Structures are given as C-alpha cells and as structure tokens.
Amino acid sequence: MAEVCFTYVLGSVTGDAGRTYVGWTNDLEKRLAAHNAGTGAKSTRGRQWIILHIEEFKNRSDAMSREWHLKRDRKFRKQLLMEFMAKDG
C-alpha cells in the first residue's frame, strides 16, 4: 500500500522580507518542526516557518513531481506569501 505524501509551501517573514520554501514529505508536522529547529533543508535554517499551502498525493512520485512544478512557479509562491503578509501584518 502506498503511503500518503504531501507537497507543501512554507513561508517566513523577517522585517519586510519574505521567503518561501517548497518541499515534500510523508509527515508534515515532523518536517515543519525540523525546518524550524534548523535541522531541515540548509536554506531554511535560522528562520521560523509556517505552512502556506499543502497538497496531498497517493504516492511519493506524484508529490515529488508537484514539488518540482511549484518550485518553478514563483508567481504562485509570491501570491501565497503576499496573502499571508497582508493577513498577518
């Protein structure tokens, strides 16, 4: 049986600058905790992250494919970040 996987977009804001990060996992809570603890991806260290967007997939291959597409969709990621900043700020 295939394990459920997720593709996610994280957001982090420091001052006026925001960043996004795209990844995939089969355990969202554990992965977010790793990013926020500085043990996730090197590019996420030193920041506090929140989940901006989640998509669920039936297998790892589909989640990884979607991750690849989301990493290249800067317009979508910027829109997610701007919506978060407007709501939060």
N, C-alpha and C. Protein backbone atom coordinates (compact mmCIF):
# COMPACT_ATOMS: atom_id res chain seq x y z
N MET A 1 0.84 -1.19 0.00
CA MET A 1 0.00 0.00 0.00
C MET A 1 0.88 1.24 0.00
N ALA A 2 0.54 2.20 -0.84
CA ALA A 2 1.32 3.43 -0.95
C ALA A 2 1.06 4.34 0.25
N GLU A 3 2.09 5.05 0.63
CA GLU A 3 1.99 5.97 1.75
C GLU A 3 1.57 7.34 1.24
N VAL A 4 0.68 8.01 1.97
CA VAL A 4 0.24 9.34 1.59
C VAL A 4 1.42 10.30 1.74
N CYS A 5 1.60 11.16 0.73
CA CYS A 5 2.67 12.15 0.74
C CYS A 5 2.08 13.53 0.51
N PHE A 6 2.81 14.53 0.93
CA PHE A 6 2.35 15.91 0.81
C PHE A 6 3.42 16.76 0.14
N THR A 7 2.97 17.68 -0.66
CA THR A 7 3.83 18.75 -1.17
C THR A 7 3.38 19.99 -0.43
N TYR A 8 4.34 20.80 0.01
CA TYR A 8 3.99 21.95 0.83
C TYR A 8 4.79 23.18 0.43
N VAL A 9 4.22 24.35 0.75
CA VAL A 9 4.92 25.62 0.59
C VAL A 9 4.98 26.26 1.97
N LEU A 10 6.19 26.57 2.41
CA LEU A 10 6.39 27.25 3.68
C LEU A 10 6.64 28.73 3.41
N GLY A 11 6.32 29.56 4.40
CA GLY A 11 6.61 30.98 4.30
C GLY A 11 7.28 31.46 5.57
N SER A 12 8.16 32.45 5.42
CA SER A 12 8.84 33.05 6.55
C SER A 12 9.03 34.53 6.24
N VAL A 13 8.75 35.38 7.24
CA VAL A 13 8.90 36.82 7.06
C VAL A 13 9.83 37.36 8.14
N THR A 14 10.84 38.10 7.70
CA THR A 14 11.76 38.78 8.61
C THR A 14 11.77 40.24 8.19
N GLY A 15 11.26 41.13 9.07
CA GLY A 15 11.14 42.54 8.69
C GLY A 15 10.15 42.67 7.55
N ASP A 16 10.60 43.30 6.46
CA ASP A 16 9.75 43.45 5.28
C ASP A 16 10.00 42.37 4.24
N ALA A 17 10.99 41.50 4.50
CA ALA A 17 11.38 40.49 3.52
C ALA A 17 10.72 39.15 3.82
N GLY A 18 10.14 38.57 2.80
CA GLY A 18 9.53 37.25 2.94
C GLY A 18 10.22 36.25 2.03
N ARG A 19 10.19 35.00 2.45
CA ARG A 19 10.75 33.91 1.65
C ARG A 19 9.78 32.74 1.65
N THR A 20 9.89 31.93 0.61
CA THR A 20 9.12 30.70 0.55
C THR A 20 10.08 29.53 0.37
N TYR A 21 9.59 28.36 0.74
CA TYR A 21 10.33 27.12 0.55
C TYR A 21 9.32 26.06 0.14
N VAL A 22 9.67 25.25 -0.84
CA VAL A 22 8.80 24.18 -1.32
C VAL A 22 9.47 22.84 -1.04
N GLY A 23 8.70 21.89 -0.53
CA GLY A 23 9.23 20.56 -0.28
C GLY A 23 8.13 19.51 -0.31
N TRP A 24 8.51 18.28 -0.04
CA TRP A 24 7.53 17.19 0.05
C TRP A 24 7.91 16.33 1.25
N THR A 25 6.92 15.64 1.80
CA THR A 25 7.14 14.79 2.96
C THR A 25 5.98 13.82 3.12
N ASN A 26 6.15 12.85 4.02
CA ASN A 26 5.02 11.99 4.38
C ASN A 26 4.59 12.28 5.83
N ASP A 27 5.24 13.27 6.47
CA ASP A 27 4.89 13.67 7.84
C ASP A 27 5.07 15.18 7.98
N LEU A 28 3.99 15.92 7.76
CA LEU A 28 4.06 17.38 7.75
C LEU A 28 4.52 17.98 9.08
N GLU A 29 3.96 17.51 10.17
CA GLU A 29 4.31 18.08 11.47
C GLU A 29 5.79 17.89 11.78
N LYS A 30 6.28 16.69 11.54
CA LYS A 30 7.69 16.39 11.80
C LYS A 30 8.60 17.22 10.90
N ARG A 31 8.23 17.37 9.65
CA ARG A 31 9.06 18.13 8.69
C ARG A 31 9.08 19.61 9.05
N LEU A 32 7.93 20.19 9.41
CA LEU A 32 7.89 21.60 9.80
C LEU A 32 8.73 21.82 11.06
N ALA A 33 8.63 20.90 12.01
CA ALA A 33 9.42 21.01 13.23
C ALA A 33 10.91 20.97 12.91
N ALA A 34 11.31 20.12 11.96
CA ALA A 34 12.71 20.04 11.56
C ALA A 34 13.18 21.35 10.94
N HIS A 35 12.36 21.94 10.06
CA HIS A 35 12.73 23.22 9.45
C HIS A 35 12.90 24.29 10.52
N ASN A 36 11.96 24.36 11.44
CA ASN A 36 12.00 25.39 12.48
C ASN A 36 13.10 25.16 13.52
N ALA A 37 13.56 23.92 13.65
CA ALA A 37 14.64 23.60 14.59
C ALA A 37 16.01 23.78 13.95
N GLY A 38 16.04 24.08 12.65
CA GLY A 38 17.31 24.25 11.96
C GLY A 38 17.92 22.96 11.47
N THR A 39 17.15 21.87 11.49
CA THR A 39 17.66 20.59 11.02
C THR A 39 17.03 20.15 9.72
N GLY A 40 16.24 21.05 9.12
CA GLY A 40 15.64 20.76 7.82
C GLY A 40 16.63 21.13 6.72
N ALA A 41 16.13 21.56 5.60
CA ALA A 41 16.99 21.95 4.48
C ALA A 41 17.89 23.12 4.89
N LYS A 42 19.07 23.13 4.35
CA LYS A 42 20.05 24.17 4.70
C LYS A 42 19.51 25.58 4.45
N SER A 43 18.75 25.75 3.39
CA SER A 43 18.23 27.08 3.04
C SER A 43 17.14 27.57 3.99
N THR A 44 16.64 26.70 4.86
CA THR A 44 15.56 27.13 5.77
C THR A 44 16.08 27.44 7.17
N ARG A 45 17.36 27.23 7.41
CA ARG A 45 17.91 27.42 8.76
C ARG A 45 17.91 28.88 9.18
N GLY A 46 17.66 29.09 10.48
CA GLY A 46 17.71 30.44 11.04
C GLY A 46 16.44 31.24 10.87
N ARG A 47 15.36 30.61 10.44
CA ARG A 47 14.08 31.29 10.26
C ARG A 47 12.97 30.48 10.90
N GLN A 48 11.88 31.14 11.20
CA GLN A 48 10.66 30.47 11.66
C GLN A 48 9.72 30.37 10.46
N TRP A 49 9.21 29.19 10.23
CA TRP A 49 8.39 28.90 9.05
C TRP A 49 6.96 28.54 9.44
N ILE A 50 6.04 28.87 8.56
CA ILE A 50 4.65 28.43 8.70
C ILE A 50 4.23 27.80 7.37
N ILE A 51 3.26 26.92 7.43
CA ILE A 51 2.77 26.29 6.21
C ILE A 51 1.77 27.22 5.54
N LEU A 52 2.04 27.54 4.28
CA LEU A 52 1.16 28.40 3.48
C LEU A 52 0.23 27.59 2.59
N HIS A 53 0.67 26.39 2.19
CA HIS A 53 -0.09 25.62 1.20
C HIS A 53 0.30 24.15 1.31
N ILE A 54 -0.71 23.27 1.21
CA ILE A 54 -0.49 21.82 1.27
C ILE A 54 -1.29 21.15 0.16
N GLU A 55 -0.69 20.16 -0.46
CA GLU A 55 -1.39 19.29 -1.42
C GLU A 55 -1.08 17.85 -1.05
N GLU A 56 -2.08 16.99 -1.11
CA GLU A 56 -1.93 15.58 -0.73
C GLU A 56 -1.88 14.70 -1.97
N PHE A 57 -1.00 13.69 -1.93
CA PHE A 57 -0.83 12.76 -3.05
C PHE A 57 -0.82 11.32 -2.57
N LYS A 58 -1.15 10.40 -3.46
CA LYS A 58 -1.22 8.99 -3.10
C LYS A 58 0.14 8.30 -3.12
N ASN A 59 1.13 8.97 -3.73
CA ASN A 59 2.46 8.36 -3.77
C ASN A 59 3.56 9.41 -3.83
N ARG A 60 4.75 8.97 -3.55
CA ARG A 60 5.93 9.84 -3.49
C ARG A 60 6.23 10.47 -4.85
N SER A 61 6.10 9.69 -5.90
CA SER A 61 6.41 10.17 -7.24
C SER A 61 5.57 11.38 -7.62
N ASP A 62 4.27 11.32 -7.36
CA ASP A 62 3.38 12.45 -7.68
C ASP A 62 3.71 13.67 -6.82
N ALA A 63 4.01 13.45 -5.54
CA ALA A 63 4.37 14.56 -4.65
C ALA A 63 5.66 15.23 -5.12
N MET A 64 6.64 14.43 -5.52
CA MET A 64 7.90 14.98 -5.98
C MET A 64 7.75 15.73 -7.30
N SER A 65 6.88 15.24 -8.16
CA SER A 65 6.62 15.91 -9.43
C SER A 65 5.98 17.28 -9.18
N ARG A 66 5.01 17.30 -8.28
CA ARG A 66 4.34 18.57 -7.96
C ARG A 66 5.31 19.54 -7.30
N GLU A 67 6.20 19.03 -6.44
CA GLU A 67 7.22 19.88 -5.81
C GLU A 67 8.05 20.55 -6.90
N TRP A 68 8.47 19.80 -7.88
CA TRP A 68 9.27 20.33 -8.98
C TRP A 68 8.55 21.49 -9.66
N HIS A 69 7.26 21.31 -9.92
CA HIS A 69 6.48 22.36 -10.59
C HIS A 69 6.30 23.59 -9.69
N LEU A 70 6.01 23.37 -8.42
CA LEU A 70 5.81 24.50 -7.51
C LEU A 70 7.10 25.30 -7.31
N LYS A 71 8.23 24.64 -7.32
CA LYS A 71 9.50 25.36 -7.17
C LYS A 71 9.71 26.33 -8.32
N ARG A 72 9.15 26.05 -9.46
CA ARG A 72 9.31 26.90 -10.63
C ARG A 72 8.18 27.91 -10.79
N ASP A 73 7.15 27.82 -9.96
CA ASP A 73 6.01 28.74 -10.05
C ASP A 73 6.17 29.87 -9.03
N ARG A 74 7.08 30.78 -9.33
CA ARG A 74 7.37 31.89 -8.41
C ARG A 74 6.16 32.80 -8.21
N LYS A 75 5.36 32.97 -9.25
CA LYS A 75 4.18 33.83 -9.15
C LYS A 75 3.21 33.29 -8.10
N PHE A 76 2.95 31.99 -8.13
CA PHE A 76 2.04 31.37 -7.16
C PHE A 76 2.59 31.49 -5.75
N ARG A 77 3.90 31.21 -5.57
CA ARG A 77 4.51 31.30 -4.24
C ARG A 77 4.50 32.73 -3.72
N LYS A 78 4.76 33.69 -4.59
CA LYS A 78 4.73 35.09 -4.17
C LYS A 78 3.33 35.50 -3.75
N GLN A 79 2.31 35.02 -4.48
CA GLN A 79 0.92 35.31 -4.14
C GLN A 79 0.58 34.75 -2.76
N LEU A 80 1.00 33.51 -2.47
CA LEU A 80 0.76 32.92 -1.15
C LEU A 80 1.41 33.76 -0.06
N LEU A 81 2.63 34.19 -0.29
CA LEU A 81 3.37 34.96 0.70
C LEU A 81 2.72 36.33 0.91
N MET A 82 2.31 36.98 -0.16
CA MET A 82 1.66 38.30 -0.04
C MET A 82 0.33 38.19 0.72
N GLU A 83 -0.43 37.13 0.46
CA GLU A 83 -1.69 36.92 1.18
C GLU A 83 -1.42 36.72 2.67
N PHE A 84 -0.39 35.95 3.00
CA PHE A 84 -0.03 35.74 4.40
C PHE A 84 0.40 37.04 5.06
N MET A 85 1.26 37.80 4.38
CA MET A 85 1.76 39.06 4.94
C MET A 85 0.64 40.07 5.14
N ALA A 86 -0.32 40.11 4.22
CA ALA A 86 -1.44 41.03 4.35
C ALA A 86 -2.33 40.65 5.53
N LYS A 87 -2.53 39.35 5.71
CA LYS A 87 -3.37 38.85 6.80
C LYS A 87 -2.67 39.00 8.17
N ASP A 88 -1.38 38.74 8.17
CA ASP A 88 -0.61 38.75 9.41
C ASP A 88 -0.22 40.16 9.85
N GLY A 89 0.02 41.03 8.89
CA GLY A 89 0.56 42.34 9.20
C GLY A 89 -0.46 43.38 9.39
